[in-house]
Amino acid sequence: MYKVTGTDPAGRTLTFACGTDEQALEKTWELAGRGFRNISVADPKGREMSALAFERSLDLDYD
């Protein structure tokens, strides 16, 4: 399970569980669009990284 954590505009830190890397990536985009800050992702092995580093680690092809 992936865990996406971010700070909402009111300053609360919230965590969301996602079953796949794709769901976690979509959640990071959603939270950023809603004004969340300090968004990070923890993978199933417990490694935590920023949303940008997570997106880069997926090696997506945007063509």
C-alpha atoms as a PDB file:
ATOM      1  CA  MET A   1       0.000   0.000   0.000  1.00  0.00           C
ATOM      2  CA  TYR A   2       1.183   3.500  -0.821  1.00  0.00           C
ATOM      3  CA  LYS A   3       0.582   6.351   1.623  1.00  0.00           C
ATOM      4  CA  VAL A   4       0.263   9.904   0.336  1.00  0.00           C
ATOM      5  CA  THR A   5       0.715  12.614   2.961  1.00  0.00           C
ATOM      6  CA  GLY A   6       0.238  16.354   2.609  1.00  0.00           C
ATOM      7  CA  THR A   7      -0.559  19.516   4.525  1.00  0.00           C
ATOM      8  CA  ASP A   8      -3.926  21.030   3.653  1.00  0.00           C
ATOM      9  CA  PRO A   9      -4.528  24.795   3.312  1.00  0.00           C
ATOM     10  CA  ALA A  10      -5.672  24.926   6.968  1.00  0.00           C
ATOM     11  CA  GLY A  11      -2.347  23.469   8.128  1.00  0.00           C
ATOM     12  CA  ARG A  12      -3.546  19.940   8.975  1.00  0.00           C
ATOM     13  CA  THR A  13      -1.440  16.992   7.876  1.00  0.00           C
ATOM     14  CA  LEU A  14      -3.543  14.281   6.234  1.00  0.00           C
ATOM     15  CA  THR A  15      -2.604  10.815   4.963  1.00  0.00           C
ATOM     16  CA  PHE A  16      -4.376   8.876   2.215  1.00  0.00           C
ATOM     17  CA  ALA A  17      -3.961   5.165   1.454  1.00  0.00           C
ATOM     18  CA  CYS A  18      -3.616   4.108  -2.191  1.00  0.00           C
ATOM     19  CA  GLY A  19      -3.433   0.557  -3.510  1.00  0.00           C
ATOM     20  CA  THR A  20      -1.260   1.157  -6.564  1.00  0.00           C
ATOM     21  CA  ASP A  21       1.487   3.501  -7.674  1.00  0.00           C
ATOM     22  CA  GLU A  22      -0.863   4.943 -10.296  1.00  0.00           C
ATOM     23  CA  GLN A  23      -3.496   5.762  -7.669  1.00  0.00           C
ATOM     24  CA  ALA A  24      -0.829   7.364  -5.480  1.00  0.00           C
ATOM     25  CA  LEU A  25       0.374   9.504  -8.374  1.00  0.00           C
ATOM     26  CA  GLU A  26      -3.167  10.635  -9.163  1.00  0.00           C
ATOM     27  CA  LYS A  27      -3.705  11.476  -5.478  1.00  0.00           C
ATOM     28  CA  THR A  28      -0.562  13.663  -5.444  1.00  0.00           C
ATOM     29  CA  TRP A  29      -1.910  15.570  -8.448  1.00  0.00           C
ATOM     30  CA  GLU A  30      -5.343  15.924  -6.827  1.00  0.00           C
ATOM     31  CA  LEU A  31      -3.897  17.212  -3.565  1.00  0.00           C
ATOM     32  CA  ALA A  32      -1.622  19.693  -5.334  1.00  0.00           C
ATOM     33  CA  GLY A  33      -4.651  20.984  -7.237  1.00  0.00           C
ATOM     34  CA  ARG A  34      -6.504  21.433  -3.936  1.00  0.00           C
ATOM     35  CA  GLY A  35      -3.726  23.563  -2.472  1.00  0.00           C
ATOM     36  CA  PHE A  36      -1.950  20.963  -0.346  1.00  0.00           C
ATOM     37  CA  ARG A  37       1.737  21.543   0.487  1.00  0.00           C
ATOM     38  CA  ASN A  38       4.598  19.233   1.479  1.00  0.00           C
ATOM     39  CA  ILE A  39       3.131  16.276  -0.408  1.00  0.00           C
ATOM     40  CA  SER A  40       5.076  13.051  -0.011  1.00  0.00           C
ATOM     41  CA  VAL A  41       4.590   9.389  -0.863  1.00  0.00           C
ATOM     42  CA  ALA A  42       5.640   6.322   1.129  1.00  0.00           C
ATOM     43  CA  ASP A  43       5.932   3.158  -0.949  1.00  0.00           C
ATOM     44  CA  PRO A  44       5.038  -0.357   0.316  1.00  0.00           C
ATOM     45  CA  LYS A  45       8.638  -0.828   1.540  1.00  0.00           C
ATOM     46  CA  GLY A  46       8.346   2.302   3.692  1.00  0.00           C
ATOM     47  CA  ARG A  47      10.605   4.555   1.626  1.00  0.00           C
ATOM     48  CA  GLU A  48       9.298   8.111   1.703  1.00  0.00           C
ATOM     49  CA  MET A  49       9.931  10.634  -1.063  1.00  0.00           C
ATOM     50  CA  SER A  50       8.533  13.914  -2.304  1.00  0.00           C
ATOM     51  CA  ALA A  51       5.700  13.814  -4.822  1.00  0.00           C
ATOM     52  CA  LEU A  52       8.067  15.035  -7.558  1.00  0.00           C
ATOM     53  CA  ALA A  53      10.684  12.380  -6.758  1.00  0.00           C
ATOM     54  CA  PHE A  54       7.937   9.743  -6.712  1.00  0.00           C
ATOM     55  CA  GLU A  55       6.673  10.812 -10.129  1.00  0.00           C
ATOM     56  CA  ARG A  56      10.219  10.694 -11.527  1.00  0.00           C
ATOM     57  CA  SER A  57      10.783   7.245 -10.022  1.00  0.00           C
ATOM     58  CA  LEU A  58       7.858   5.846 -12.029  1.00  0.00           C
ATOM     59  CA  ASP A  59       9.701   6.550 -15.301  1.00  0.00           C
ATOM     60  CA  LEU A  60       6.532   7.602 -17.106  1.00  0.00           C
ATOM     61  CA  ASP A  61       6.468   8.260 -20.832  1.00  0.00           C
ATOM     62  CA  TYR A  62       4.372  11.357 -21.590  1.00  0.00           C
ATOM     63  CA  ASP A  63       4.562  11.033 -25.395  1.00  0.00           C
END
